[in-house]
Amino acid sequence: MEVKVWDEKEQFLFPKSFGVPKAVKKVDVTPQFEHKVTEESIQIVGIYHITCHVEFEEGEHAHHATSEFTQIEDLDVQGEVGYFEYAVPMSVEIAKDKVQPGCSPTLNVKHVNSNTTEHASIEIAWLVRCEYEGPKENKQELVQKAEQNVKPKIPKEVEQVESSILVESELQFILNLDDGMSKLTFPSNYIPVKQKAEQ
């Protein structure tokens, strides 16, 4: 399972006639999307649907650049609380070879946070989690990876037995030499010397 996570946020301004946002009473962000498949990618296209209740109080708006904010003109006001909805465009693209054939990516929203700002606006932030199944590896690739990752451990006892068998076989070879060669044995710290056998 492949997981991609990222943050999104949006800032909202309101008409001066409503006053200054005092608190965000309730906010929800719901993803609404569809999949579009091309030759090279799978696209998730849709919106983050925001619904929000904001409590207002009297106050003056600070001067700020409106390009950083989304202006909300229409609110359903009941008393001091205003309700609005807004759609933030969504577009996610995943390479087709990164997704298992026949599987569709899923997208969820988590950890929705909101607060008022010093600019008489509100900020809504949320975390997006996209999940999808990666391509399956074939059996041959899995076997190759297993062979690379697994190194057989030989117990010390086996190594010692193998080395002693090797020494014995070398000694036996020397003892089995023909009469023309010496069959004398020497300590291992001496240099072996060939001697002619007595005729």
N, C-alpha and C. Protein backbone atom coordinates (compact mmCIF):
# COMPACT_ATOMS: atom_id res chain seq x y z
N MET A 1 0.84 -1.19 0.00
CA MET A 1 0.00 0.00 0.00
C MET A 1 0.88 1.25 0.00
N GLU A 2 0.69 2.11 -1.00
CA GLU A 2 1.41 3.38 -1.07
C GLU A 2 0.54 4.47 -0.44
N VAL A 3 1.16 5.36 0.34
CA VAL A 3 0.43 6.44 1.01
C VAL A 3 1.13 7.77 0.74
N LYS A 4 0.37 8.74 0.26
CA LYS A 4 0.88 10.11 0.06
C LYS A 4 0.07 11.05 0.94
N VAL A 5 0.76 11.95 1.64
CA VAL A 5 0.09 12.87 2.57
C VAL A 5 0.57 14.29 2.30
N TRP A 6 -0.36 15.24 2.30
CA TRP A 6 0.02 16.64 2.14
C TRP A 6 -1.03 17.54 2.82
N ASP A 7 -0.66 18.81 2.99
CA ASP A 7 -1.53 19.78 3.67
C ASP A 7 -2.18 20.72 2.66
N GLU A 8 -3.39 21.13 2.98
CA GLU A 8 -4.12 22.14 2.21
C GLU A 8 -4.65 23.19 3.18
N LYS A 9 -4.80 24.42 2.70
CA LYS A 9 -5.43 25.44 3.55
C LYS A 9 -6.07 26.52 2.68
N GLU A 10 -7.01 27.21 3.28
CA GLU A 10 -7.72 28.29 2.58
C GLU A 10 -8.07 29.36 3.62
N GLN A 11 -7.91 30.62 3.20
CA GLN A 11 -8.25 31.75 4.07
C GLN A 11 -9.45 32.50 3.49
N PHE A 12 -10.36 32.89 4.38
CA PHE A 12 -11.61 33.52 3.94
C PHE A 12 -11.81 34.89 4.59
N LEU A 13 -12.26 35.84 3.75
CA LEU A 13 -12.64 37.19 4.19
C LEU A 13 -14.14 37.36 4.03
N PHE A 14 -14.73 38.26 4.83
CA PHE A 14 -16.18 38.48 4.79
C PHE A 14 -16.47 39.98 4.66
N PRO A 15 -17.66 40.31 4.19
CA PRO A 15 -18.02 41.73 4.07
C PRO A 15 -17.96 42.45 5.42
N LYS A 16 -17.58 43.70 5.40
CA LYS A 16 -17.46 44.49 6.63
C LYS A 16 -18.78 44.57 7.38
N SER A 17 -19.88 44.49 6.65
CA SER A 17 -21.20 44.62 7.27
C SER A 17 -21.49 43.50 8.28
N PHE A 18 -20.78 42.39 8.17
CA PHE A 18 -21.00 41.27 9.11
C PHE A 18 -20.19 41.45 10.40
N GLY A 19 -19.21 42.35 10.36
CA GLY A 19 -18.34 42.53 11.51
C GLY A 19 -17.06 41.71 11.35
N VAL A 20 -16.45 41.38 12.49
CA VAL A 20 -15.18 40.63 12.50
C VAL A 20 -15.43 39.21 13.01
N PRO A 21 -14.84 38.19 12.35
CA PRO A 21 -15.00 36.82 12.84
C PRO A 21 -14.47 36.68 14.27
N LYS A 22 -15.30 36.15 15.14
CA LYS A 22 -14.91 35.95 16.54
C LYS A 22 -14.43 34.52 16.77
N ALA A 23 -15.14 33.55 16.18
CA ALA A 23 -14.77 32.14 16.35
C ALA A 23 -15.40 31.30 15.26
N VAL A 24 -14.75 30.20 14.94
CA VAL A 24 -15.31 29.21 14.01
C VAL A 24 -16.04 28.18 14.85
N LYS A 25 -17.35 28.13 14.70
CA LYS A 25 -18.18 27.24 15.53
C LYS A 25 -18.13 25.79 15.05
N LYS A 26 -18.19 25.62 13.74
CA LYS A 26 -18.18 24.27 13.17
C LYS A 26 -17.68 24.33 11.74
N VAL A 27 -16.84 23.37 11.38
CA VAL A 27 -16.32 23.32 10.01
C VAL A 27 -16.14 21.87 9.58
N ASP A 28 -16.49 21.60 8.34
CA ASP A 28 -16.30 20.27 7.73
C ASP A 28 -15.68 20.44 6.35
N VAL A 29 -14.78 19.53 6.01
CA VAL A 29 -14.20 19.49 4.66
C VAL A 29 -14.41 18.09 4.11
N THR A 30 -15.15 18.00 3.02
CA THR A 30 -15.48 16.70 2.44
C THR A 30 -14.95 16.61 1.00
N PRO A 31 -14.11 15.63 0.72
CA PRO A 31 -13.64 15.48 -0.66
C PRO A 31 -14.71 14.86 -1.56
N GLN A 32 -14.89 15.42 -2.72
CA GLN A 32 -15.81 14.89 -3.72
C GLN A 32 -15.03 14.83 -5.03
N PHE A 33 -14.89 13.62 -5.59
CA PHE A 33 -14.00 13.50 -6.75
C PHE A 33 -14.41 12.32 -7.63
N GLU A 34 -13.78 12.29 -8.79
CA GLU A 34 -13.90 11.16 -9.71
C GLU A 34 -12.53 10.86 -10.30
N HIS A 35 -12.38 9.63 -10.83
CA HIS A 35 -11.11 9.23 -11.42
C HIS A 35 -11.16 9.40 -12.94
N LYS A 36 -10.07 9.90 -13.49
CA LYS A 36 -9.92 9.98 -14.93
C LYS A 36 -8.64 9.26 -15.30
N VAL A 37 -8.74 8.29 -16.21
CA VAL A 37 -7.58 7.49 -16.60
C VAL A 37 -7.12 7.89 -17.99
N THR A 38 -5.84 8.22 -18.11
CA THR A 38 -5.24 8.50 -19.41
C THR A 38 -4.23 7.39 -19.72
N GLU A 39 -3.52 7.53 -20.83
CA GLU A 39 -2.54 6.51 -21.19
C GLU A 39 -1.39 6.45 -20.19
N GLU A 40 -1.06 7.60 -19.58
CA GLU A 40 0.12 7.66 -18.72
C GLU A 40 -0.19 7.84 -17.23
N SER A 41 -1.41 8.24 -16.89
CA SER A 41 -1.67 8.56 -15.48
C SER A 41 -3.11 8.29 -15.06
N ILE A 42 -3.30 8.29 -13.74
CA ILE A 42 -4.64 8.25 -13.15
C ILE A 42 -4.83 9.59 -12.44
N GLN A 43 -5.88 10.31 -12.78
CA GLN A 43 -6.13 11.62 -12.20
C GLN A 43 -7.32 11.56 -11.25
N ILE A 44 -7.16 12.24 -10.12
CA ILE A 44 -8.26 12.41 -9.17
C ILE A 44 -8.69 13.87 -9.28
N VAL A 45 -9.88 14.08 -9.81
CA VAL A 45 -10.34 15.45 -10.09
C VAL A 45 -11.65 15.69 -9.34
N GLY A 46 -11.73 16.83 -8.66
CA GLY A 46 -12.95 17.15 -7.94
C GLY A 46 -12.80 18.39 -7.09
N ILE A 47 -13.42 18.38 -5.89
CA ILE A 47 -13.37 19.54 -5.00
C ILE A 47 -13.23 19.08 -3.54
N TYR A 48 -12.75 20.00 -2.71
CA TYR A 48 -12.88 19.87 -1.26
C TYR A 48 -14.07 20.75 -0.89
N HIS A 49 -15.17 20.13 -0.48
CA HIS A 49 -16.39 20.88 -0.16
C HIS A 49 -16.34 21.33 1.30
N ILE A 50 -16.29 22.65 1.51
CA ILE A 50 -16.18 23.21 2.86
C ILE A 50 -17.55 23.74 3.30
N THR A 51 -17.96 23.34 4.50
CA THR A 51 -19.14 23.94 5.14
C THR A 51 -18.68 24.50 6.48
N CYS A 52 -19.11 25.74 6.79
CA CYS A 52 -18.55 26.40 7.96
C CYS A 52 -19.56 27.33 8.64
N HIS A 53 -19.59 27.30 9.98
CA HIS A 53 -20.38 28.23 10.79
C HIS A 53 -19.40 29.17 11.51
N VAL A 54 -19.56 30.47 11.30
CA VAL A 54 -18.66 31.46 11.89
C VAL A 54 -19.46 32.43 12.76
N GLU A 55 -18.95 32.66 13.96
CA GLU A 55 -19.57 33.65 14.86
C GLU A 55 -18.88 35.00 14.64
N PHE A 56 -19.69 36.08 14.50
CA PHE A 56 -19.15 37.42 14.26
C PHE A 56 -19.36 38.32 15.47
N GLU A 57 -18.54 39.36 15.55
CA GLU A 57 -18.71 40.43 16.54
C GLU A 57 -18.36 41.76 15.89
N GLU A 58 -18.73 42.85 16.54
CA GLU A 58 -18.43 44.16 15.98
C GLU A 58 -16.94 44.42 16.02
N GLY A 59 -16.46 45.11 15.00
CA GLY A 59 -15.03 45.41 14.92
C GLY A 59 -14.68 45.93 13.55
N GLU A 60 -13.48 46.48 13.43
CA GLU A 60 -13.03 47.04 12.16
C GLU A 60 -12.08 46.08 11.45
N HIS A 61 -12.19 46.07 10.14
CA HIS A 61 -11.32 45.22 9.33
C HIS A 61 -9.97 45.89 9.14
N ALA A 62 -8.91 45.13 9.31
CA ALA A 62 -7.57 45.66 9.04
C ALA A 62 -7.34 45.71 7.54
N HIS A 63 -6.48 46.61 7.13
CA HIS A 63 -6.16 46.73 5.70
C HIS A 63 -5.20 45.60 5.31
N HIS A 64 -5.51 44.87 4.26
CA HIS A 64 -4.64 43.78 3.81
C HIS A 64 -4.85 43.53 2.33
N ALA A 65 -3.94 42.77 1.76
CA ALA A 65 -4.04 42.43 0.33
C ALA A 65 -5.07 41.33 0.15
N THR A 66 -6.09 41.60 -0.63
CA THR A 66 -7.19 40.63 -0.80
C THR A 66 -6.80 39.44 -1.66
N SER A 67 -5.67 39.52 -2.38
CA SER A 67 -5.28 38.42 -3.27
C SER A 67 -4.94 37.16 -2.48
N GLU A 68 -4.58 37.29 -1.20
CA GLU A 68 -4.22 36.14 -0.38
C GLU A 68 -5.45 35.44 0.18
N PHE A 69 -6.62 36.05 0.06
CA PHE A 69 -7.82 35.53 0.70
C PHE A 69 -8.92 35.26 -0.33
N THR A 70 -9.82 34.38 0.05
CA THR A 70 -11.02 34.14 -0.75
C THR A 70 -12.16 34.95 -0.13
N GLN A 71 -12.77 35.79 -0.93
CA GLN A 71 -13.84 36.66 -0.44
C GLN A 71 -15.17 35.92 -0.46
N ILE A 72 -15.84 35.87 0.70
CA ILE A 72 -17.17 35.26 0.81
C ILE A 72 -18.19 36.40 0.88
N GLU A 73 -19.05 36.48 -0.10
CA GLU A 73 -20.02 37.58 -0.17
C GLU A 73 -21.38 37.20 0.42
N ASP A 74 -21.70 35.93 0.32
CA ASP A 74 -23.06 35.51 0.71
C ASP A 74 -23.01 34.56 1.90
N LEU A 75 -23.61 34.95 3.02
CA LEU A 75 -23.69 34.10 4.20
C LEU A 75 -25.14 33.98 4.64
N ASP A 76 -25.48 32.83 5.15
CA ASP A 76 -26.79 32.61 5.76
C ASP A 76 -26.63 32.93 7.25
N VAL A 77 -27.13 34.10 7.68
CA VAL A 77 -26.89 34.57 9.04
C VAL A 77 -28.10 34.31 9.92
N GLN A 78 -27.82 33.73 11.08
CA GLN A 78 -28.83 33.55 12.13
C GLN A 78 -28.25 34.09 13.42
N GLY A 79 -28.74 35.26 13.81
CA GLY A 79 -28.19 35.93 14.99
C GLY A 79 -26.78 36.42 14.68
N GLU A 80 -25.81 35.95 15.45
CA GLU A 80 -24.42 36.36 15.24
C GLU A 80 -23.60 35.31 14.49
N VAL A 81 -24.26 34.24 14.10
CA VAL A 81 -23.55 33.14 13.42
C VAL A 81 -23.92 33.12 11.93
N GLY A 82 -22.90 33.09 11.10
CA GLY A 82 -23.11 33.01 9.66
C GLY A 82 -22.64 31.67 9.12
N TYR A 83 -23.37 31.17 8.13
CA TYR A 83 -23.04 29.87 7.53
C TYR A 83 -22.70 30.08 6.06
N PHE A 84 -21.63 29.40 5.60
CA PHE A 84 -21.31 29.47 4.17
C PHE A 84 -20.73 28.13 3.70
N GLU A 85 -20.77 27.95 2.39
CA GLU A 85 -20.16 26.78 1.75
C GLU A 85 -19.19 27.26 0.68
N TYR A 86 -18.16 26.46 0.47
CA TYR A 86 -17.19 26.84 -0.56
C TYR A 86 -16.54 25.57 -1.11
N ALA A 87 -16.19 25.61 -2.40
CA ALA A 87 -15.56 24.46 -3.05
C ALA A 87 -14.14 24.83 -3.48
N VAL A 88 -13.16 24.11 -2.93
CA VAL A 88 -11.76 24.30 -3.32
C VAL A 88 -11.42 23.25 -4.39
N PRO A 89 -10.94 23.69 -5.55
CA PRO A 89 -10.62 22.71 -6.61
C PRO A 89 -9.57 21.70 -6.18
N MET A 90 -9.74 20.47 -6.66
CA MET A 90 -8.80 19.38 -6.36
C MET A 90 -8.33 18.74 -7.65
N SER A 91 -7.03 18.51 -7.75
CA SER A 91 -6.48 17.80 -8.91
C SER A 91 -5.21 17.07 -8.49
N VAL A 92 -5.27 15.74 -8.54
CA VAL A 92 -4.13 14.90 -8.15
C VAL A 92 -3.83 13.96 -9.32
N GLU A 93 -2.55 13.82 -9.64
CA GLU A 93 -2.16 12.96 -10.76
C GLU A 93 -1.12 11.94 -10.29
N ILE A 94 -1.36 10.67 -10.60
CA ILE A 94 -0.45 9.59 -10.22
C ILE A 94 -0.07 8.83 -11.49
N ALA A 95 1.22 8.57 -11.66
CA ALA A 95 1.68 7.82 -12.83
C ALA A 95 1.01 6.44 -12.86
N LYS A 96 0.55 6.04 -14.03
CA LYS A 96 -0.22 4.80 -14.16
C LYS A 96 0.60 3.57 -13.76
N ASP A 97 1.91 3.58 -14.04
CA ASP A 97 2.74 2.41 -13.72
C ASP A 97 3.04 2.29 -12.23
N LYS A 98 2.62 3.28 -11.44
CA LYS A 98 2.81 3.22 -9.98
C LYS A 98 1.61 2.60 -9.27
N VAL A 99 0.53 2.35 -10.02
CA VAL A 99 -0.71 1.83 -9.44
C VAL A 99 -1.00 0.44 -9.99
N GLN A 100 -1.39 -0.46 -9.11
CA GLN A 100 -1.72 -1.82 -9.52
C GLN A 100 -2.91 -1.80 -10.48
N PRO A 101 -2.81 -2.50 -11.62
CA PRO A 101 -3.93 -2.52 -12.58
C PRO A 101 -5.22 -2.98 -11.92
N GLY A 102 -6.30 -2.26 -12.23
CA GLY A 102 -7.61 -2.62 -11.68
C GLY A 102 -7.92 -1.96 -10.34
N CYS A 103 -6.94 -1.26 -9.76
CA CYS A 103 -7.14 -0.59 -8.47
C CYS A 103 -7.27 0.92 -8.67
N SER A 104 -8.11 1.55 -7.87
CA SER A 104 -8.30 2.99 -7.92
C SER A 104 -7.80 3.63 -6.63
N PRO A 105 -7.08 4.75 -6.73
CA PRO A 105 -6.63 5.45 -5.53
C PRO A 105 -7.81 5.98 -4.72
N THR A 106 -7.65 6.02 -3.39
CA THR A 106 -8.65 6.63 -2.52
C THR A 106 -8.07 7.89 -1.91
N LEU A 107 -8.95 8.83 -1.55
CA LEU A 107 -8.50 10.10 -1.00
C LEU A 107 -9.39 10.48 0.17
N ASN A 108 -8.77 10.79 1.31
CA ASN A 108 -9.52 11.17 2.51
C ASN A 108 -8.97 12.46 3.10
N VAL A 109 -9.82 13.15 3.87
CA VAL A 109 -9.41 14.36 4.57
C VAL A 109 -9.39 14.09 6.06
N LYS A 110 -8.32 14.51 6.73
CA LYS A 110 -8.19 14.31 8.17
C LYS A 110 -7.70 15.60 8.83
N HIS A 111 -7.87 15.65 10.14
CA HIS A 111 -7.32 16.76 10.96
C HIS A 111 -7.69 18.14 10.42
N VAL A 112 -8.99 18.42 10.36
CA VAL A 112 -9.45 19.74 9.93
C VAL A 112 -9.31 20.71 11.09
N ASN A 113 -8.57 21.79 10.86
CA ASN A 113 -8.36 22.82 11.88
C ASN A 113 -8.80 24.17 11.35
N SER A 114 -9.25 25.03 12.25
CA SER A 114 -9.68 26.37 11.85
C SER A 114 -9.36 27.36 12.95
N ASN A 115 -9.12 28.60 12.55
CA ASN A 115 -8.88 29.67 13.53
C ASN A 115 -9.13 31.03 12.88
N THR A 116 -9.36 32.02 13.73
CA THR A 116 -9.48 33.39 13.24
C THR A 116 -8.09 34.00 13.17
N THR A 117 -7.92 34.99 12.30
CA THR A 117 -6.61 35.63 12.15
C THR A 117 -6.71 37.11 12.49
N GLU A 118 -5.56 37.74 12.57
CA GLU A 118 -5.52 39.17 12.90
C GLU A 118 -6.00 40.05 11.76
N HIS A 119 -6.25 39.43 10.60
CA HIS A 119 -6.71 40.20 9.44
C HIS A 119 -8.23 40.18 9.30
N ALA A 120 -8.93 39.86 10.40
CA ALA A 120 -10.40 39.78 10.37
C ALA A 120 -10.85 38.74 9.36
N SER A 121 -10.12 37.63 9.31
CA SER A 121 -10.46 36.54 8.41
C SER A 121 -10.39 35.24 9.20
N ILE A 122 -10.69 34.14 8.53
CA ILE A 122 -10.52 32.82 9.15
C ILE A 122 -9.63 31.97 8.23
N GLU A 123 -8.96 31.04 8.84
CA GLU A 123 -8.14 30.09 8.08
C GLU A 123 -8.60 28.67 8.39
N ILE A 124 -8.81 27.91 7.34
CA ILE A 124 -9.19 26.50 7.48
C ILE A 124 -8.09 25.66 6.84
N ALA A 125 -7.57 24.71 7.61
CA ALA A 125 -6.49 23.84 7.11
C ALA A 125 -6.88 22.39 7.32
N TRP A 126 -6.40 21.53 6.44
CA TRP A 126 -6.70 20.09 6.56
C TRP A 126 -5.58 19.27 5.94
N LEU A 127 -5.52 18.02 6.35
CA LEU A 127 -4.53 17.09 5.85
C LEU A 127 -5.20 16.13 4.87
N VAL A 128 -4.55 15.91 3.74
CA VAL A 128 -5.08 15.01 2.71
C VAL A 128 -4.25 13.73 2.69
N ARG A 129 -4.93 12.60 2.68
CA ARG A 129 -4.25 11.28 2.65
C ARG A 129 -4.75 10.52 1.43
N CYS A 130 -3.83 10.21 0.54
CA CYS A 130 -4.15 9.47 -0.69
C CYS A 130 -3.49 8.09 -0.60
N GLU A 131 -4.28 7.03 -0.82
CA GLU A 131 -3.76 5.67 -0.73
C GLU A 131 -4.05 4.92 -2.03
N TYR A 132 -3.10 4.06 -2.41
CA TYR A 132 -3.33 3.21 -3.58
C TYR A 132 -2.38 2.01 -3.52
N GLU A 133 -2.80 0.94 -4.19
CA GLU A 133 -1.99 -0.28 -4.24
C GLU A 133 -0.92 -0.12 -5.32
N GLY A 134 0.34 -0.37 -4.95
CA GLY A 134 1.41 -0.31 -5.92
C GLY A 134 1.40 -1.56 -6.80
N PRO A 135 2.16 -1.55 -7.90
CA PRO A 135 2.20 -2.72 -8.80
C PRO A 135 2.77 -3.93 -8.10
N LYS A 136 2.21 -5.11 -8.40
CA LYS A 136 2.71 -6.35 -7.80
C LYS A 136 3.97 -6.80 -8.52
N GLU A 137 4.94 -7.29 -7.75
CA GLU A 137 6.17 -7.82 -8.33
C GLU A 137 5.93 -9.28 -8.71
N ASN A 138 6.53 -9.67 -9.86
CA ASN A 138 6.35 -11.07 -10.26
C ASN A 138 7.20 -11.99 -9.40
N LYS A 139 6.94 -13.27 -9.48
CA LYS A 139 7.59 -14.25 -8.60
C LYS A 139 9.10 -14.27 -8.80
N GLN A 140 9.56 -14.12 -10.05
CA GLN A 140 10.99 -14.18 -10.33
C GLN A 140 11.72 -13.04 -9.63
N GLU A 141 11.13 -11.80 -9.66
CA GLU A 141 11.74 -10.66 -8.98
C GLU A 141 11.80 -10.89 -7.48
N LEU A 142 10.73 -11.47 -6.92
CA LEU A 142 10.70 -11.73 -5.48
C LEU A 142 11.77 -12.75 -5.09
N VAL A 143 11.95 -13.79 -5.91
CA VAL A 143 12.97 -14.81 -5.63
C VAL A 143 14.36 -14.19 -5.68
N GLN A 144 14.60 -13.34 -6.70
CA GLN A 144 15.90 -12.68 -6.82
C GLN A 144 16.20 -11.80 -5.61
N LYS A 145 15.19 -11.06 -5.15
CA LYS A 145 15.38 -10.20 -3.98
C LYS A 145 15.65 -11.04 -2.74
N ALA A 146 14.94 -12.16 -2.63
CA ALA A 146 15.13 -13.03 -1.46
C ALA A 146 16.54 -13.60 -1.45
N GLU A 147 17.05 -13.98 -2.63
CA GLU A 147 18.40 -14.53 -2.71
C GLU A 147 19.45 -13.49 -2.36
N GLN A 148 19.19 -12.23 -2.75
CA GLN A 148 20.15 -11.16 -2.44
C GLN A 148 20.14 -10.83 -0.96
N ASN A 149 18.97 -10.88 -0.34
CA ASN A 149 18.83 -10.47 1.06
C ASN A 149 19.20 -11.57 2.06
N VAL A 150 19.08 -12.83 1.63
CA VAL A 150 19.33 -13.94 2.56
C VAL A 150 20.73 -14.51 2.31
N LYS A 151 21.59 -14.37 3.29
CA LYS A 151 22.93 -14.95 3.22
C LYS A 151 22.98 -16.10 4.22
N PRO A 152 23.21 -17.33 3.74
CA PRO A 152 23.20 -18.47 4.66
C PRO A 152 24.30 -18.37 5.70
N LYS A 153 23.94 -18.61 6.94
CA LYS A 153 24.90 -18.61 8.04
C LYS A 153 25.37 -20.04 8.30
N ILE A 154 26.68 -20.23 8.26
CA ILE A 154 27.25 -21.56 8.53
C ILE A 154 27.72 -21.57 9.98
N PRO A 155 27.20 -22.48 10.80
CA PRO A 155 27.63 -22.55 12.20
C PRO A 155 29.13 -22.81 12.30
N LYS A 156 29.74 -22.30 13.38
CA LYS A 156 31.18 -22.45 13.58
C LYS A 156 31.57 -23.92 13.65
N GLU A 157 30.71 -24.74 14.28
CA GLU A 157 31.02 -26.16 14.41
C GLU A 157 31.18 -26.81 13.04
N VAL A 158 30.27 -26.43 12.11
CA VAL A 158 30.33 -27.00 10.75
C VAL A 158 31.60 -26.55 10.06
N GLU A 159 31.96 -25.24 10.23
CA GLU A 159 33.18 -24.73 9.62
C GLU A 159 34.41 -25.49 10.14
N GLN A 160 34.46 -25.75 11.44
CA GLN A 160 35.59 -26.46 12.03
C GLN A 160 35.69 -27.89 11.51
N VAL A 161 34.54 -28.57 11.42
CA VAL A 161 34.52 -29.94 10.90
C VAL A 161 35.00 -29.96 9.47
N GLU A 162 34.52 -28.98 8.64
CA GLU A 162 34.92 -28.93 7.24
C GLU A 162 36.42 -28.70 7.10
N SER A 163 36.98 -27.79 7.95
CA SER A 163 38.41 -27.50 7.87
C SER A 163 39.24 -28.72 8.31
N SER A 164 38.79 -29.45 9.34
CA SER A 164 39.54 -30.64 9.79
C SER A 164 39.48 -31.74 8.74
N ILE A 165 38.34 -31.90 8.07
CA ILE A 165 38.22 -32.90 7.00
C ILE A 165 39.18 -32.56 5.87
N LEU A 166 39.28 -31.23 5.56
CA LEU A 166 40.18 -30.79 4.50
C LEU A 166 41.63 -31.12 4.84
N VAL A 167 42.05 -30.88 6.09
CA VAL A 167 43.42 -31.18 6.52
C VAL A 167 43.69 -32.68 6.44
N GLU A 168 42.75 -33.49 6.92
CA GLU A 168 42.91 -34.95 6.89
C GLU A 168 43.03 -35.46 5.46
N SER A 169 42.24 -34.90 4.56
CA SER A 169 42.28 -35.36 3.17
C SER A 169 43.62 -35.01 2.53
N GLU A 170 44.20 -33.83 2.90
CA GLU A 170 45.51 -33.46 2.37
C GLU A 170 46.60 -34.41 2.91
N LEU A 171 46.54 -34.74 4.20
CA LEU A 171 47.51 -35.67 4.79
C LEU A 171 47.40 -37.05 4.15
N GLN A 172 46.16 -37.49 3.93
CA GLN A 172 45.95 -38.80 3.33
C GLN A 172 46.52 -38.84 1.92
N PHE A 173 46.40 -37.71 1.20
CA PHE A 173 46.94 -37.63 -0.15
C PHE A 173 48.46 -37.82 -0.12
N ILE A 174 49.12 -37.17 0.86
CA ILE A 174 50.57 -37.28 0.97
C ILE A 174 50.98 -38.72 1.31
N LEU A 175 50.26 -39.33 2.24
CA LEU A 175 50.59 -40.69 2.65
C LEU A 175 50.35 -41.70 1.53
N ASN A 176 49.48 -41.37 0.60
CA ASN A 176 49.18 -42.30 -0.50
C ASN A 176 50.08 -42.11 -1.71
N LEU A 177 51.10 -41.24 -1.57
CA LEU A 177 52.00 -41.02 -2.70
C LEU A 177 52.75 -42.29 -3.05
N ASP A 178 53.26 -42.38 -4.29
CA ASP A 178 54.04 -43.54 -4.74
C ASP A 178 55.37 -43.61 -4.01
N ASP A 179 56.09 -44.74 -4.21
CA ASP A 179 57.35 -44.96 -3.50
C ASP A 179 58.41 -43.93 -3.85
N GLY A 180 58.33 -43.33 -4.99
CA GLY A 180 59.35 -42.36 -5.41
C GLY A 180 59.31 -41.08 -4.60
N MET A 181 58.29 -40.88 -3.80
CA MET A 181 58.14 -39.65 -3.03
C MET A 181 58.23 -39.98 -1.55
N SER A 182 58.67 -39.02 -0.76
CA SER A 182 58.80 -39.22 0.68
C SER A 182 57.44 -39.27 1.35
N LYS A 183 57.33 -40.16 2.37
CA LYS A 183 56.10 -40.26 3.15
C LYS A 183 56.30 -39.76 4.57
N LEU A 184 57.44 -39.08 4.78
CA LEU A 184 57.71 -38.58 6.12
C LEU A 184 56.83 -37.38 6.42
N THR A 185 56.35 -37.30 7.63
CA THR A 185 55.55 -36.15 8.03
C THR A 185 56.40 -35.21 8.87
N PHE A 186 56.15 -33.91 8.78
CA PHE A 186 56.90 -32.89 9.50
C PHE A 186 55.93 -31.99 10.25
N PRO A 187 56.38 -31.44 11.37
CA PRO A 187 55.53 -30.46 12.07
C PRO A 187 55.19 -29.30 11.14
N SER A 188 54.04 -28.68 11.35
CA SER A 188 53.56 -27.65 10.43
C SER A 188 54.42 -26.40 10.44
N ASN A 189 55.27 -26.22 11.50
CA ASN A 189 56.09 -25.01 11.52
C ASN A 189 57.43 -25.20 10.79
N TYR A 190 57.64 -26.40 10.27
CA TYR A 190 58.83 -26.63 9.47
C TYR A 190 58.49 -26.47 8.01
N ILE A 191 59.53 -26.13 7.24
CA ILE A 191 59.31 -26.05 5.80
C ILE A 191 59.39 -27.47 5.25
N PRO A 192 58.36 -27.90 4.49
CA PRO A 192 58.43 -29.26 3.96
C PRO A 192 59.62 -29.45 3.03
N VAL A 193 60.32 -30.58 3.20
CA VAL A 193 61.50 -30.87 2.37
C VAL A 193 61.27 -32.20 1.67
N LYS A 194 61.50 -32.20 0.36
CA LYS A 194 61.34 -33.44 -0.39
C LYS A 194 62.59 -34.28 -0.20
N GLN A 195 62.42 -35.55 0.08
CA GLN A 195 63.56 -36.46 0.19
C GLN A 195 63.34 -37.64 -0.77
N LYS A 196 64.49 -38.09 -1.29
CA LYS A 196 64.40 -39.24 -2.16
C LYS A 196 64.27 -40.48 -1.30
N ALA A 197 63.40 -41.36 -1.65
CA ALA A 197 63.24 -42.60 -0.89
C ALA A 197 64.46 -43.47 -1.09
N GLU A 198 64.82 -44.18 -0.03
CA GLU A 198 65.97 -45.05 -0.14
C GLU A 198 65.65 -46.19 -1.09
N GLN A 199 66.60 -46.45 -1.95
CA GLN A 199 66.40 -47.49 -2.97
C GLN A 199 66.66 -48.82 -2.38
